């Protein structure tokens, strides 16, 4: 299995257990909206109900729902108040990614990379209002973000959540 972590914070952002593809400098992950429940009963704290005693189940059940990629990786909802704020974030992110890539590969072609990533950013910016944004578990504002966009694939009738990450902002870790 591969875990993809934020290059800046080390937060786990996603794994290869989800259907994912690389599209124009972005990882695109097909998510699912899921409902989950957590049942808590006394046995989890060492209680052992007697077979003779009939008593209340003693279980509390809570349920929650959300996008599987977000829930499984403990991503935290965040936001940008404007496109200008998002552009400022992206500018800072570019500097960090560029430094990281130069450190890993001194012969890194910055010009070609900047052109590609800026074109990708323009595509995201064009539909800025359609995205929900998430940070890693640490909520560090310097880390990478997940961008969720609900889309209706060709031939489908229901919207599906797709989660996007700038590919160069995460590092792959094999486990």
Protein backbone atom coordinates (compact mmCIF):
# COMPACT_ATOMS: atom_id res chain seq x y z
CA UNK A 1 0.00 0.00 0.00
CA UNK A 2 1.10 3.57 -0.65
CA UNK A 3 0.40 6.47 1.66
CA UNK A 4 0.55 10.00 0.28
CA UNK A 5 1.70 12.56 2.85
CA UNK A 6 1.87 16.32 2.75
CA UNK A 7 5.46 17.35 1.89
CA UNK A 8 5.31 20.20 4.41
CA UNK A 9 3.55 18.71 7.46
CA UNK A 10 3.84 14.95 7.02
CA UNK A 11 0.06 14.59 7.46
CA UNK A 12 -1.47 11.56 5.77
CA UNK A 13 -3.65 12.95 2.97
CA UNK A 14 -4.76 9.79 1.13
CA UNK A 15 -3.75 6.25 0.17
CA UNK A 16 -3.80 4.20 -3.01
CA UNK A 17 -6.78 2.21 -1.73
CA UNK A 18 -9.05 4.65 -3.55
CA UNK A 19 -9.49 4.84 -7.33
CA UNK A 20 -7.06 7.59 -8.31
CA UNK A 21 -5.55 9.06 -11.43
CA UNK A 22 -3.11 11.81 -12.30
CA UNK A 23 -4.82 14.56 -14.30
CA UNK A 24 -2.83 17.62 -15.33
CA UNK A 25 -0.72 17.95 -12.19
CA UNK A 26 -3.53 16.89 -9.84
CA UNK A 27 -4.27 13.59 -8.19
CA UNK A 28 -7.97 12.96 -8.76
CA UNK A 29 -9.59 10.50 -6.36
CA UNK A 30 -13.09 9.17 -6.77
CA UNK A 31 -14.67 9.41 -3.36
CA UNK A 32 -17.92 8.06 -1.95
CA UNK A 33 -20.39 9.65 0.41
CA UNK A 34 -20.74 7.20 3.30
CA UNK A 35 -22.68 6.85 6.55
CA UNK A 36 -20.90 5.16 9.45
CA UNK A 37 -21.79 4.29 13.00
CA UNK A 38 -19.81 3.65 16.12
CA UNK A 39 -21.39 1.47 18.73
CA UNK A 40 -20.03 1.86 22.22
CA UNK A 41 -20.94 -0.64 24.90
CA UNK A 42 -19.70 -1.47 28.39
CA UNK A 43 -17.58 -4.39 27.16
CA UNK A 44 -15.14 -1.87 25.71
CA UNK A 45 -14.34 -0.69 29.23
CA UNK A 46 -14.02 -4.13 30.79
CA UNK A 47 -17.59 -4.81 31.90
CA UNK A 48 -18.81 -8.39 31.62
CA UNK A 49 -22.58 -8.66 31.71
CA UNK A 50 -23.82 -11.81 33.42
CA UNK A 51 -25.83 -14.23 31.31
CA UNK A 52 -28.47 -14.48 34.07
CA UNK A 53 -29.02 -10.77 34.32
CA UNK A 54 -31.24 -9.26 31.73
CA UNK A 55 -30.35 -5.66 31.48
CA UNK A 56 -30.37 -2.80 29.12
CA UNK A 57 -27.92 -3.24 26.27
CA UNK A 58 -25.80 -0.42 27.67
CA UNK A 59 -24.76 0.60 24.19
CA UNK A 60 -24.65 4.07 22.79
CA UNK A 61 -24.58 4.41 19.08
CA UNK A 62 -23.54 7.48 17.17
CA UNK A 63 -23.45 7.89 13.46
CA UNK A 64 -21.76 10.29 11.13
CA UNK A 65 -21.47 10.73 7.40
CA UNK A 66 -19.11 12.30 4.92
CA UNK A 67 -16.75 11.59 2.08
CA UNK A 68 -14.72 8.42 2.65
CA UNK A 69 -11.36 9.98 1.71
CA UNK A 70 -11.97 12.86 4.13
CA UNK A 71 -13.16 10.65 7.01
CA UNK A 72 -10.53 7.92 6.60
CA UNK A 73 -7.62 10.37 6.54
CA UNK A 74 -9.02 12.68 9.22
CA UNK A 75 -8.95 15.71 6.95
CA UNK A 76 -10.26 18.91 8.50
CA UNK A 77 -12.57 21.34 6.76
CA UNK A 78 -11.09 24.74 5.99
CA UNK A 79 -11.84 27.46 3.52
CA UNK A 80 -10.72 30.54 1.73
CA UNK A 81 -12.76 33.70 2.04
CA UNK A 82 -11.95 34.75 -1.51
CA UNK A 83 -10.13 33.79 -4.68
CA UNK A 84 -7.47 36.30 -3.64
CA UNK A 85 -6.80 34.34 -0.43
CA UNK A 86 -6.61 31.11 -2.42
CA UNK A 87 -4.15 32.71 -4.86
CA UNK A 88 -1.99 33.87 -1.95
CA UNK A 89 -2.03 30.35 -0.46
CA UNK A 90 -1.09 28.87 -3.85
CA UNK A 91 1.81 31.31 -4.30
CA UNK A 92 3.25 30.25 -0.93
CA UNK A 93 2.65 26.58 -1.74
CA UNK A 94 4.53 26.95 -5.05
CA UNK A 95 7.60 28.30 -3.25
CA UNK A 96 7.61 25.36 -0.82
CA UNK A 97 7.11 22.75 -3.53
CA UNK A 98 9.81 24.30 -5.69
CA UNK A 99 12.31 24.23 -2.79
CA UNK A 100 11.35 20.62 -2.02
CA UNK A 101 11.76 19.54 -5.66
CA UNK A 102 15.11 21.33 -6.03
CA UNK A 103 16.37 19.64 -2.88
CA UNK A 104 15.42 16.21 -4.24
CA UNK A 105 16.68 16.92 -7.77
CA UNK A 106 19.19 19.76 -8.36
CA UNK A 107 18.64 19.49 -12.16
CA UNK A 108 14.91 20.13 -11.77
CA UNK A 109 13.43 22.18 -14.67
CA UNK A 110 11.65 24.95 -12.78
CA UNK A 111 10.36 26.81 -15.84
CA UNK A 112 8.50 23.89 -17.40
CA UNK A 113 7.13 22.83 -14.03
CA UNK A 114 5.89 26.34 -13.17
CA UNK A 115 4.09 26.61 -16.52
CA UNK A 116 2.34 23.27 -15.99
CA UNK A 117 1.33 23.91 -12.37
CA UNK A 118 0.10 27.43 -13.12
CA UNK A 119 -2.11 26.10 -15.93
CA UNK A 120 -3.51 23.54 -13.49
CA UNK A 121 -4.12 26.27 -10.93
CA UNK A 122 -6.00 28.39 -13.47
CA UNK A 123 -8.32 25.45 -14.14
CA UNK A 124 -9.04 25.09 -10.41
CA UNK A 125 -9.47 28.85 -9.98
CA UNK A 126 -12.02 28.99 -12.81
CA UNK A 127 -14.41 26.84 -10.75
CA UNK A 128 -13.24 28.00 -7.30
CA UNK A 129 -16.78 28.36 -5.92
CA UNK A 130 -17.53 24.68 -6.62
CA UNK A 131 -14.81 23.36 -4.30
CA UNK A 132 -14.76 22.50 -0.61
CA UNK A 133 -11.32 22.67 0.99
CA UNK A 134 -9.70 20.46 3.64
CA UNK A 135 -6.36 20.46 5.45
CA UNK A 136 -4.49 17.54 6.95
CA UNK A 137 -5.17 16.31 10.47
CA UNK A 138 -2.76 18.82 12.03
CA UNK A 139 -4.74 21.75 10.54
CA UNK A 140 -1.43 23.39 9.66
CA UNK A 141 -2.22 26.26 7.25
CA UNK A 142 1.19 25.80 5.60
CA UNK A 143 0.35 22.28 4.47
CA UNK A 144 -1.28 21.08 1.30
CA UNK A 145 -5.02 21.07 0.88
CA UNK A 146 -7.57 18.64 -0.44
CA UNK A 147 -10.09 20.11 -2.84
CA UNK A 148 -13.46 18.37 -3.13
CA UNK A 149 -15.69 18.95 -6.12
CA UNK A 150 -18.99 17.18 -6.75
CA UNK A 151 -19.24 16.11 -10.39
CA UNK A 152 -21.66 14.11 -12.50
CA UNK A 153 -19.67 11.70 -14.71
CA UNK A 154 -20.83 11.13 -18.28
CA UNK A 155 -23.65 8.61 -18.39
CA UNK A 156 -24.41 9.02 -14.67
CA UNK A 157 -27.25 10.82 -12.95
CA UNK A 158 -25.81 11.26 -9.46
CA UNK A 159 -23.08 13.63 -8.33
CA UNK A 160 -19.92 11.97 -7.05
CA UNK A 161 -17.34 13.65 -4.80
CA UNK A 162 -13.93 13.85 -6.43
CA UNK A 163 -11.02 14.83 -4.19
CA UNK A 164 -8.11 16.67 -5.79
CA UNK A 165 -4.56 17.23 -4.54
CA UNK A 166 -1.71 19.07 -6.22
CA UNK A 167 0.47 16.07 -7.09
CA UNK A 168 3.74 17.79 -6.28
CA UNK A 169 2.54 18.77 -2.80
CA UNK A 170 2.44 15.17 -1.55
CA UNK A 171 5.12 12.51 -1.24
CA UNK A 172 4.59 8.80 -1.68
CA UNK A 173 5.47 6.40 1.12
CA UNK A 174 5.34 2.62 0.66
CA UNK A 175 4.19 0.59 3.66
